[in-house]
C-alpha cells in the first residue's frame, strides 16, 4: 500500500482549492493537492468563469461591429469559425491551467491527479491512473465545488439538451435555442448565442429575470436582452421534453395553457448542485444540510475537527472569489490565527450586456430590514465617457446611512461595471463616507467618475447632473 503523510490535503483544485494549497505552502505547511481532472483550475477555469468570459468577449466584438454602423463605420456580416473559436478558448484555459500547475511546483505543493475518497477522518484514498494512493493528513480542506443542475425530467440523454458545461463547448450555433432559467448563467450564455446568430427564447418561472439583483440595475439588462433575444417569457414553466428527430420538442405551461414548440438545442440553466457524491464523507463526522451542502461555521470548520470546507460545496453564494476568501480563512484557522468569515463585503458581477455589479446592501435588502437609508444615483446619460462609446444606459447607485453618511452598498449597471465595483468594496470595507468618495479626485473622462458624482449627488451638488440639495 502506497502511503503519504502531509500536514494539509486539499481536495479539489479550483479557485478555492489551489488558493488554499498555495497559501498554506506560503505559510510553511506541507501540502498535497488532489484533483480528479487533468487540468487544474476547477469549474471556474475549465467550465465556468473563464471560458464564459472569453466567449462573451468574442460576442461583444460582434456587437461592437454592428453598433459601429451608427458612427459611419460599417463591417460585413460576421463569419464565425466555430472550430477556431473553440480552439482559441481552449488555448486560454490551457495557459491558465498550466500556470496554476507551475505555481504549485514552484511552491512545493505536491499535485496528485485522481479521485479522492475519505476512508476516515484522517485518511484520504486517491484513485489514480497508476493505482491507489493513501494520504494520512492532519487537516483536510474540501473544495470540490458544484455541478450544473439537470432536473431528471429534462435528462433525456440527448446531447442537444445542454447544461452550461456543454454550452461552453460551443459545438455549433443552433438556429433555435431555448434557454431555461433567467439567472446569470442563462442570461450570459443566452447573450453569447444570440449575438452569434441563434434565435434565443428564454423562459423563467419567476416574474422577473435576475431575481436577486436590484430592479433599478437589472432594468437596462432586461431592456437590452429583449432586443437581442427573440423572446423572454416570464412566469413560464417547462413541463417536459422529448426527442423529435434532430430537434427537441418542449412543452410549456403559461397562464394555465399548454403549448409545444421545437428547438434545435436546449440550455438548462436552473442552478447548481453540490458536488459531494461519492467522496466518502459519510466515513467522517462531516454533516450536510438538506440540499447536500457541507455544514461549516464562520471559520470554515465542518462538524469533523480535522476537516474544513470552502467554496461552492460549503453553500452560500457560489462565487469563485468567495471560495478564494474562504480558502485563506480556513488556512489561517488551521495555522492558529483568529480568522472568521464575518462582515465580509462580497461583490457580485453578472457579465451580461450591459454588465451588472453590486456589493454591500441593496436598496431592497435595506428596505426589507427597515434600515434608514438614502439612495443617491448618477445616470450614465450624464457621463461623457459613456456617451463617447454610445452606452449611456448605465447607472451608478449608492446606498448611504443618512446619519453617519457611511456607504452601505454600491450598485453599478453598464459597460465595465465588474471592473468598477471594487472601489465600492473598498469603500464599504474601510467604512468610507459619501464625503470620502466625493472628495477623491477621479480622472476625467472615465466611468469611475460616476462613483464620485453619485456621492456628490448625495450632497446636492454633482457637476454633471442637477439634484435637489439635502435639507439639513
Protein backbone atom coordinates (compact mmCIF):
# COMPACT_ATOMS: atom_id res chain seq x y z
CA UNK A 1 0.00 0.00 0.00
CA UNK A 2 1.46 3.33 -1.10
CA UNK A 3 1.01 5.83 1.74
CA UNK A 4 1.94 9.51 2.11
CA UNK A 5 1.86 11.83 5.10
CA UNK A 6 1.13 15.53 4.97
CA UNK A 7 0.01 18.36 7.19
CA UNK A 8 -2.78 19.54 4.85
CA UNK A 9 -4.51 17.78 1.98
CA UNK A 10 -6.73 19.87 -0.27
CA UNK A 11 -9.35 18.02 -2.31
CA UNK A 12 -10.25 19.98 -5.42
CA UNK A 13 -8.03 22.38 -7.36
CA UNK A 14 -10.49 25.13 -8.23
CA UNK A 15 -10.10 28.80 -7.21
CA UNK A 16 -10.74 27.85 -3.60
CA UNK A 17 -8.65 24.68 -3.55
CA UNK A 18 -5.50 25.93 -5.22
CA UNK A 19 -5.72 29.23 -3.31
CA UNK A 20 -5.80 27.22 -0.05
CA UNK A 21 -2.94 24.96 -1.11
CA UNK A 22 -0.75 27.87 -2.22
CA UNK A 23 -1.44 29.98 0.88
CA UNK A 24 -0.75 27.06 3.21
CA UNK A 25 2.52 26.36 1.38
CA UNK A 26 3.46 30.04 1.62
CA UNK A 27 2.96 29.74 5.39
CA UNK A 28 5.36 26.81 5.55
CA UNK A 29 2.93 23.90 5.58
CA UNK A 30 3.45 20.61 3.75
CA UNK A 31 0.56 20.38 1.29
CA UNK A 32 -0.84 17.82 -1.12
CA UNK A 33 -3.39 18.99 -3.70
CA UNK A 34 -5.73 16.35 -5.14
CA UNK A 35 -7.60 16.98 -8.39
CA UNK A 36 -9.52 14.46 -10.47
CA UNK A 37 -9.31 16.47 -13.73
CA UNK A 38 -6.17 16.53 -15.89
CA UNK A 39 -6.10 20.34 -15.87
CA UNK A 40 -6.05 22.32 -12.64
CA UNK A 41 -8.38 25.26 -12.07
CA UNK A 42 -11.69 23.57 -11.30
CA UNK A 43 -15.06 24.53 -12.72
CA UNK A 44 -14.26 28.24 -12.84
CA UNK A 45 -11.25 27.90 -15.10
CA UNK A 46 -12.39 24.92 -17.16
CA UNK A 47 -16.18 25.03 -17.38
CA UNK A 48 -17.34 28.33 -15.90
CA UNK A 49 -15.99 31.82 -15.30
CA UNK A 50 -13.08 31.87 -17.72
CA UNK A 51 -14.50 30.18 -20.83
CA UNK A 52 -17.78 32.06 -20.49
CA UNK A 53 -15.97 35.40 -20.27
CA UNK A 54 -13.83 34.50 -23.28
CA UNK A 55 -16.96 33.77 -25.32
CA UNK A 56 -18.66 36.91 -24.02
CA UNK A 57 -15.66 38.94 -25.17
CA UNK A 58 -15.95 37.38 -28.61
CA UNK A 59 -19.68 38.17 -28.63
CA UNK A 60 -19.00 41.78 -27.60
CA UNK A 61 -16.68 42.11 -30.59
CA UNK A 62 -19.55 41.15 -32.89
CA UNK A 63 -21.89 43.58 -31.10
CA UNK A 64 -19.38 46.42 -31.32
CA UNK A 65 -19.02 45.87 -35.07
CA UNK A 66 -22.79 46.02 -35.55
CA UNK A 67 -23.19 49.09 -33.35
CA UNK A 68 -20.46 50.96 -35.24
CA UNK A 69 -22.79 51.47 -38.21
CA UNK A 70 -24.37 54.47 -36.49
CA UNK A 71 -20.91 56.04 -36.32
CA UNK A 72 -20.41 55.69 -40.04
CA UNK A 73 -18.18 52.61 -39.80
CA UNK A 74 -19.61 49.54 -41.49
CA UNK A 75 -18.31 45.97 -41.41
CA UNK A 76 -19.59 42.98 -43.31
CA UNK A 77 -21.67 40.26 -41.60
CA UNK A 78 -19.54 38.26 -39.14
CA UNK A 79 -18.30 34.84 -40.20
CA UNK A 80 -17.90 32.59 -37.19
CA UNK A 81 -15.49 29.67 -37.44
CA UNK A 82 -16.73 27.60 -34.50
CA UNK A 83 -13.70 25.31 -34.53
CA UNK A 84 -11.25 28.20 -34.44
CA UNK A 85 -13.30 29.96 -31.77
CA UNK A 86 -13.28 26.84 -29.63
CA UNK A 87 -9.52 26.35 -30.14
CA UNK A 88 -8.87 29.96 -29.08
CA UNK A 89 -10.96 29.48 -25.95
CA UNK A 90 -9.15 26.22 -25.12
CA UNK A 91 -5.76 27.89 -25.56
CA UNK A 92 -6.69 30.34 -22.80
CA UNK A 93 -7.70 27.51 -20.48
CA UNK A 94 -4.51 25.56 -21.22
CA UNK A 95 -2.39 28.60 -20.49
CA UNK A 96 -4.13 29.36 -17.21
CA UNK A 97 -4.23 25.73 -16.11
CA UNK A 98 -0.55 25.36 -16.91
CA UNK A 99 0.15 28.50 -14.92
CA UNK A 100 -1.59 27.08 -11.83
CA UNK A 101 0.38 23.82 -12.17
CA UNK A 102 3.65 25.76 -12.50
CA UNK A 103 2.89 27.82 -9.39
CA UNK A 104 2.14 24.62 -7.46
CA UNK A 105 5.53 23.22 -8.47
CA UNK A 106 7.35 26.43 -7.51
CA UNK A 107 5.70 26.35 -4.09
CA UNK A 108 6.50 22.70 -3.46
CA UNK A 109 2.84 21.68 -3.45
CA UNK A 110 2.54 18.03 -4.48
CA UNK A 111 -0.25 17.57 -7.01
CA UNK A 112 -1.92 14.17 -7.35
CA UNK A 113 -4.43 13.64 -10.14
CA UNK A 114 -7.19 11.24 -9.20
CA UNK A 115 -10.48 10.84 -7.38
CA UNK A 116 -10.29 11.43 -3.65
CA UNK A 117 -12.28 9.27 -1.24
CA UNK A 118 -12.29 9.70 2.54
CA UNK A 119 -11.62 6.38 4.30
CA UNK A 120 -11.96 8.10 7.68
CA UNK A 121 -11.33 11.49 9.28
CA UNK A 122 -7.56 11.25 8.81
CA UNK A 123 -7.14 9.21 5.64
CA UNK A 124 -7.83 10.05 2.02
CA UNK A 125 -7.64 7.37 -0.64
CA UNK A 126 -6.86 8.64 -4.13
CA UNK A 127 -7.64 6.51 -7.14
CA UNK A 128 -5.10 7.46 -9.80
CA UNK A 129 -4.31 6.06 -13.23
CA UNK A 130 -1.36 4.28 -11.60
CA UNK A 131 -3.34 2.74 -8.77
CA UNK A 132 -4.43 3.71 -5.28
CA UNK A 133 -2.59 6.17 -3.09
CA UNK A 134 -3.36 6.71 0.60
CA UNK A 135 -2.75 10.08 2.23
CA UNK A 136 -2.62 10.46 6.01
CA UNK A 137 -3.20 14.07 6.94
CA UNK A 138 -3.57 16.37 9.94
CA UNK A 139 -6.17 18.58 8.26
CA UNK A 140 -8.20 18.31 5.07
CA UNK A 141 -9.80 21.12 3.11
CA UNK A 142 -12.69 20.01 0.90
CA UNK A 143 -13.03 22.26 -2.15
CA UNK A 144 -14.81 20.05 -4.66
CA UNK A 145 -17.22 22.70 -5.96
CA UNK A 146 -20.57 22.22 -7.61
CA UNK A 147 -22.07 20.86 -10.83
CA UNK A 148 -24.69 22.24 -13.18
CA UNK A 149 -28.14 21.06 -12.11
CA UNK A 150 -30.11 18.92 -14.54
CA UNK A 151 -33.66 18.02 -13.42
CA UNK A 152 -34.46 14.35 -14.08
CA UNK A 153 -37.43 15.31 -16.25
CA UNK A 154 -35.05 17.04 -18.68
CA UNK A 155 -32.27 14.46 -18.62
CA UNK A 156 -33.07 12.51 -21.78
CA UNK A 157 -29.50 11.56 -22.56
CA UNK A 158 -29.74 13.71 -25.68
CA UNK A 159 -26.67 15.92 -26.29
CA UNK A 160 -28.96 18.61 -27.71
CA UNK A 161 -30.13 19.24 -24.14
CA UNK A 162 -27.21 21.07 -22.57
CA UNK A 163 -26.08 22.44 -19.24
CA UNK A 164 -23.62 25.33 -19.12
CA UNK A 165 -20.80 22.77 -19.36
CA UNK A 166 -21.83 21.61 -22.83
CA UNK A 167 -22.94 25.07 -23.95
CA UNK A 168 -19.43 26.39 -23.32
CA UNK A 169 -18.04 23.79 -25.71
CA UNK A 170 -19.74 25.84 -28.46
CA UNK A 171 -20.09 22.83 -30.78
CA UNK A 172 -22.43 24.73 -33.09
CA UNK A 173 -24.56 27.86 -33.29
CA UNK A 174 -28.10 26.43 -33.29
CA UNK A 175 -30.73 28.25 -35.28
CA UNK A 176 -33.30 27.94 -32.48
CA UNK A 177 -32.13 27.81 -28.87
CA UNK A 178 -34.28 27.56 -25.77
CA UNK A 179 -32.75 28.78 -22.51
CA UNK A 180 -34.48 27.56 -19.36
CA UNK A 181 -33.64 29.85 -16.45
CA UNK A 182 -33.26 33.62 -16.24
CA UNK A 183 -30.40 33.74 -13.74
CA UNK A 184 -26.91 34.94 -14.53
CA UNK A 185 -25.83 31.72 -16.29
CA UNK A 186 -28.84 31.68 -18.62
CA UNK A 187 -28.51 35.38 -19.34
CA UNK A 188 -24.77 35.29 -20.03
CA UNK A 189 -24.84 32.25 -22.31
CA UNK A 190 -28.07 33.40 -23.93
CA UNK A 191 -26.26 36.63 -24.78
CA UNK A 192 -23.38 34.72 -26.36
CA UNK A 193 -25.55 32.52 -28.58
CA UNK A 194 -27.97 35.30 -29.53
CA UNK A 195 -25.09 37.54 -30.57
CA UNK A 196 -23.60 34.74 -32.66
CA UNK A 197 -26.90 34.34 -34.51
CA UNK A 198 -29.19 31.96 -32.62
CA UNK A 199 -32.86 32.79 -32.18
CA UNK A 200 -32.96 32.63 -28.40
CA UNK A 201 -36.13 32.15 -26.39
CA UNK A 202 -35.58 32.45 -22.65
CA UNK A 203 -38.15 31.17 -20.17
CA UNK A 204 -38.23 31.87 -16.44
CA UNK A 205 -40.67 30.51 -13.86
CA UNK A 206 -40.49 33.69 -11.76
CA UNK A 207 -41.95 37.06 -12.72
CA UNK A 208 -38.55 38.59 -13.48
CA UNK A 209 -35.10 37.63 -14.66
CA UNK A 210 -32.00 38.16 -12.50
CA UNK A 211 -34.29 37.92 -9.49
CA UNK A 212 -31.58 38.61 -6.88
CA UNK A 213 -30.43 41.85 -8.45
CA UNK A 214 -31.59 45.38 -7.65
CA UNK A 215 -34.52 46.14 -10.03
CA UNK A 216 -33.01 49.55 -10.90
CA UNK A 217 -29.84 47.85 -12.05
CA UNK A 218 -31.49 44.90 -13.76
CA UNK A 219 -33.76 47.12 -15.86
CA UNK A 220 -31.19 48.10 -18.55
CA UNK A 221 -30.03 44.45 -18.78
CA UNK A 222 -33.57 43.26 -19.35
CA UNK A 223 -34.19 46.00 -21.91
CA UNK A 224 -31.12 45.01 -23.90
CA UNK A 225 -31.96 41.28 -23.67
CA UNK A 226 -35.45 41.94 -25.04
CA UNK A 227 -33.86 43.45 -28.15
CA UNK A 228 -31.24 40.74 -28.50
CA UNK A 229 -33.33 37.65 -27.75
CA UNK A 230 -36.22 36.53 -29.89
CA UNK A 231 -38.42 36.37 -26.80
CA UNK A 232 -38.36 36.39 -22.98
CA UNK A 233 -41.22 34.59 -21.28
CA UNK A 234 -41.79 35.10 -17.57
CA UNK A 235 -43.94 33.00 -15.23
CA UNK A 236 -43.50 30.14 -17.68
CA UNK A 237 -42.82 26.53 -16.72
CA UNK A 238 -41.36 23.78 -18.86
CA UNK A 239 -43.43 20.64 -18.38
CA UNK A 240 -41.50 18.03 -20.29
CA UNK A 241 -39.20 17.50 -23.22
CA UNK A 242 -38.85 14.75 -25.81
CA UNK A 243 -36.58 13.97 -28.74
CA UNK A 244 -38.18 14.73 -32.10
CA UNK A 245 -35.81 13.79 -34.91
CA UNK A 246 -32.91 16.24 -34.79
CA UNK A 247 -34.83 18.62 -32.55
CA UNK A 248 -36.21 18.76 -29.03
CA UNK A 249 -39.95 19.03 -28.51
CA UNK A 250 -40.70 21.18 -25.47
CA UNK A 251 -44.00 21.53 -23.63
CA UNK A 252 -44.63 24.85 -21.87
CA UNK A 253 -47.25 25.95 -19.38
CA UNK A 254 -48.18 29.62 -19.28
CA UNK A 255 -51.30 31.02 -17.62
CA UNK A 256 -52.72 27.53 -17.38
CA UNK A 257 -52.34 26.95 -21.11
CA UNK A 258 -50.03 24.32 -22.60
CA UNK A 259 -48.15 24.69 -25.87
CA UNK A 260 -45.47 22.71 -27.69
CA UNK A 261 -42.52 24.01 -29.71
CA UNK A 262 -39.45 22.55 -31.43
CA UNK A 263 -35.88 23.70 -30.76
CA UNK A 264 -32.51 22.71 -32.19
CA UNK A 265 -30.91 22.83 -28.74
CA UNK A 266 -31.99 23.50 -25.17
CA UNK A 267 -29.81 25.05 -22.46
CA UNK A 268 -30.90 24.13 -18.93
CA UNK A 269 -29.62 26.85 -16.59
CA UNK A 270 -31.60 26.31 -13.40
CA UNK A 271 -28.79 26.47 -10.87
CA UNK A 272 -26.00 24.31 -9.50
CA UNK A 273 -25.83 21.36 -7.12
CA UNK A 274 -23.13 20.42 -4.58
CA UNK A 275 -20.53 18.01 -5.89
CA UNK A 276 -20.38 15.85 -2.75
CA UNK A 277 -21.40 12.45 -4.14
CA UNK A 278 -19.03 9.52 -3.76
CA UNK A 279 -16.45 11.35 -1.65
CA UNK A 280 -16.66 9.01 1.32
CA UNK A 281 -17.53 11.85 3.68
CA UNK A 282 -20.07 9.53 5.32
CA UNK A 283 -16.99 7.83 6.83
CA UNK A 284 -16.17 11.06 8.67
CA UNK A 285 -18.08 13.28 11.10
CA UNK A 286 -18.93 15.80 8.38
CA UNK A 287 -22.62 16.73 8.19
CA UNK A 288 -24.72 18.17 5.38
CA UNK A 289 -27.75 20.42 5.01
CA UNK A 290 -30.95 19.30 3.29
CA UNK A 291 -29.61 20.42 -0.10
CA UNK A 292 -26.40 18.44 0.19
CA UNK A 293 -24.02 21.28 1.05
CA UNK A 294 -21.49 20.73 3.84
CA UNK A 295 -22.23 22.39 7.16
CA UNK A 296 -19.50 24.88 8.10
CA UNK A 297 -19.14 27.57 10.74
CA UNK A 298 -17.69 31.05 10.31
CA UNK A 299 -14.18 29.55 10.45
CA UNK A 300 -14.93 27.11 7.58
CA UNK A 301 -14.80 24.22 10.07
CA UNK A 302 -17.09 21.26 9.45
CA UNK A 303 -18.57 19.10 12.18
CA UNK A 304 -15.40 16.97 11.88
CA UNK A 305 -12.49 18.68 13.71
CA UNK A 306 -9.97 17.55 11.08
CA UNK A 307 -11.92 18.67 8.02
CA UNK A 308 -12.69 22.10 6.60
CA UNK A 309 -14.85 23.00 3.60
CA UNK A 310 -14.72 26.01 1.30
CA UNK A 311 -16.30 27.29 -1.89
CA UNK A 312 -19.43 26.00 -3.57
CA UNK A 313 -19.53 22.77 -1.57
CA UNK A 314 -19.97 24.88 1.60
CA UNK A 315 -23.05 26.62 0.19
CA UNK A 316 -23.95 30.29 0.22
CA UNK A 317 -23.14 32.41 -2.82
CA UNK A 318 -21.49 30.19 -5.43
CA UNK A 319 -18.71 32.60 -6.39
CA UNK A 320 -15.06 31.91 -7.21
CA UNK A 321 -13.82 34.91 -5.23
CA UNK A 322 -15.85 33.79 -2.20
CA UNK A 323 -14.09 30.42 -2.42
CA UNK A 324 -10.70 32.13 -2.55
CA UNK A 325 -11.50 34.23 0.52
CA UNK A 326 -12.76 31.19 2.41
CA UNK A 327 -9.54 29.39 1.47
CA UNK A 328 -7.50 31.99 3.29
CA UNK A 329 -9.75 31.85 6.34
CA UNK A 330 -9.55 28.05 6.55
CA UNK A 331 -5.75 28.06 6.27
CA UNK A 332 -5.39 30.84 8.82
CA UNK A 333 -7.55 28.94 11.31
CA UNK A 334 -5.50 25.78 10.73
CA UNK A 335 -2.25 27.63 11.49
CA UNK A 336 -3.74 29.10 14.67
CA UNK A 337 -4.86 32.56 13.66
CA UNK A 338 -8.19 34.04 14.73
CA UNK A 339 -9.86 34.39 11.35
CA UNK A 340 -13.59 34.29 10.55
CA UNK A 341 -15.89 34.72 7.58
CA UNK A 342 -17.90 37.52 9.14
CA UNK A 343 -18.70 41.01 7.86
CA UNK A 344 -17.12 40.20 4.51
CA UNK A 345 -18.12 42.51 1.66
CA UNK A 346 -18.68 40.10 -1.22
CA UNK A 347 -19.14 41.63 -4.68
CA UNK A 348 -21.28 40.01 -7.35
CA UNK A 349 -20.93 40.57 -11.09
CA UNK A 350 -23.21 39.47 -13.93
CA UNK A 351 -21.31 39.67 -17.23
CA UNK A 352 -24.29 40.40 -19.42
CA UNK A 353 -24.51 43.30 -21.83
CA UNK A 354 -24.52 45.70 -20.06
CA UNK A 355 -22.68 44.29 -17.05
CA UNK A 356 -24.29 44.37 -13.62
CA UNK A 357 -22.36 44.52 -10.33
CA UNK A 358 -23.09 45.22 -6.70
CA UNK A 359 -21.68 44.89 -3.19
CA UNK A 360 -22.90 45.53 0.32
CA UNK A 361 -26.59 46.21 0.93
CA UNK A 362 -29.02 46.57 -1.96
CA UNK A 363 -31.87 49.02 -1.66
CA UNK A 364 -34.37 46.14 -1.45
CA UNK A 365 -32.42 44.44 1.36
CA UNK A 366 -32.17 47.68 3.32
CA UNK A 367 -35.89 48.40 2.96
CA UNK A 368 -36.77 44.84 3.99
CA UNK A 369 -34.68 45.23 7.14
CA UNK A 370 -36.30 48.59 7.92
CA UNK A 371 -32.96 50.37 7.85
CA UNK A 372 -32.93 54.15 7.39
CA UNK A 373 -31.12 54.80 4.12
CA UNK A 374 -30.72 57.43 1.48
CA UNK A 375 -30.24 56.41 -2.13
CA UNK A 376 -28.07 58.51 -4.41
CA UNK A 377 -27.88 57.81 -8.16
CA UNK A 378 -25.89 59.05 -11.09
CA UNK A 379 -27.26 58.22 -14.55
CA UNK A 380 -24.71 57.46 -17.25
CA UNK A 381 -26.65 59.64 -19.68
CA UNK A 382 -24.67 62.40 -17.95
CA UNK A 383 -21.33 60.61 -18.33
CA UNK A 384 -19.18 61.93 -21.17
CA UNK A 385 -17.20 58.67 -21.19
CA UNK A 386 -20.32 56.51 -21.51
CA UNK A 387 -21.64 58.70 -24.32
CA UNK A 388 -18.30 58.51 -26.12
CA UNK A 389 -18.87 54.83 -26.81
CA UNK A 390 -22.65 55.01 -27.17
CA UNK A 391 -23.55 53.20 -23.96
CA UNK A 392 -25.44 55.72 -21.83
CA UNK A 393 -27.92 53.21 -20.37
CA UNK A 394 -25.81 52.69 -17.23
CA UNK A 395 -26.47 53.76 -13.67
CA UNK A 396 -24.33 54.08 -10.54
CA UNK A 397 -26.18 53.82 -7.25
CA UNK A 398 -25.09 54.34 -3.65
CA UNK A 399 -26.91 53.19 -0.52
CA UNK A 400 -25.96 55.57 2.28
CA UNK A 401 -26.67 55.77 6.00
CA UNK A 402 -28.19 59.29 6.32
CA UNK A 403 -26.92 59.72 9.90
CA UNK A 404 -23.30 58.61 9.60
CA UNK A 405 -23.10 59.16 5.81
CA UNK A 406 -21.29 55.81 5.53
CA UNK A 407 -21.59 53.93 2.26
CA UNK A 408 -23.58 50.74 2.91
CA UNK A 409 -23.98 49.48 -0.63
CA UNK A 410 -22.90 50.16 -4.19
CA UNK A 411 -24.60 49.03 -7.38
CA UNK A 412 -23.50 49.64 -10.94
CA UNK A 413 -25.00 48.66 -14.29
CA UNK A 414 -23.20 49.50 -17.50
CA UNK A 415 -20.18 48.66 -19.60
CA UNK A 416 -17.30 47.56 -17.38
CA UNK A 417 -19.37 47.51 -14.18
CA UNK A 418 -17.41 44.48 -12.99
CA UNK A 419 -14.16 46.44 -13.21
CA UNK A 420 -15.64 49.39 -11.28
CA UNK A 421 -17.26 47.61 -8.34
CA UNK A 422 -14.02 47.04 -6.42
CA UNK A 423 -13.93 50.72 -5.47
CA UNK A 424 -17.29 50.15 -3.83
CA UNK A 425 -15.97 47.08 -2.00
CA UNK A 426 -13.02 49.08 -0.70
CA UNK A 427 -15.26 51.96 0.38
CA UNK A 428 -17.56 49.70 2.39
CA UNK A 429 -14.71 47.65 3.89
CA UNK A 430 -12.96 50.83 5.07
CA UNK A 431 -16.13 52.41 6.43
CA UNK A 432 -15.85 55.25 3.93
CA UNK A 433 -18.44 58.01 3.85
CA UNK A 434 -20.06 59.57 0.82
CA UNK A 435 -17.81 62.57 1.51
CA UNK A 436 -14.73 60.36 1.11
CA UNK A 437 -15.89 59.26 -2.33
CA UNK A 438 -16.92 62.78 -3.30
CA UNK A 439 -13.58 64.32 -2.31
CA UNK A 440 -11.43 61.66 -4.00
CA UNK A 441 -10.37 63.10 -7.37
CA UNK A 442 -11.35 60.75 -10.22
CA UNK A 443 -9.80 61.11 -13.68
CA UNK A 444 -11.90 62.63 -16.45
CA UNK A 445 -13.36 61.37 -18.65
CA UNK A 446 -13.83 57.92 -17.07
CA UNK A 447 -16.66 55.74 -15.88
CA UNK A 448 -15.12 55.76 -12.40
CA UNK A 449 -16.25 59.40 -12.13
CA UNK A 450 -19.81 58.13 -11.80
CA UNK A 451 -19.00 56.91 -8.27
CA UNK A 452 -17.67 60.33 -7.32
CA UNK A 453 -20.65 62.11 -8.84
CA UNK A 454 -23.16 59.73 -7.21
CA UNK A 455 -21.53 60.66 -3.90
CA UNK A 456 -21.63 64.36 -4.78
CA UNK A 457 -25.30 63.99 -5.66
CA UNK A 458 -25.91 62.89 -2.08
CA UNK A 459 -24.88 66.41 -1.06
CA UNK A 460 -26.85 68.08 -3.84
CA UNK A 461 -24.04 69.39 -5.99
CA UNK A 462 -22.99 66.84 -8.61
CA UNK A 463 -21.41 68.70 -11.52
CA UNK A 464 -22.98 66.81 -14.41
CA UNK A 465 -26.49 66.33 -13.07
CA UNK A 466 -28.95 68.52 -11.21
CA UNK A 467 -30.20 67.23 -7.86
CA UNK A 468 -32.09 68.79 -5.01
CA UNK A 469 -29.90 69.92 -2.16
CA UNK A 470 -30.16 67.98 1.06
CA UNK A 471 -32.16 69.52 3.84
CA UNK A 472 -30.02 69.56 6.98
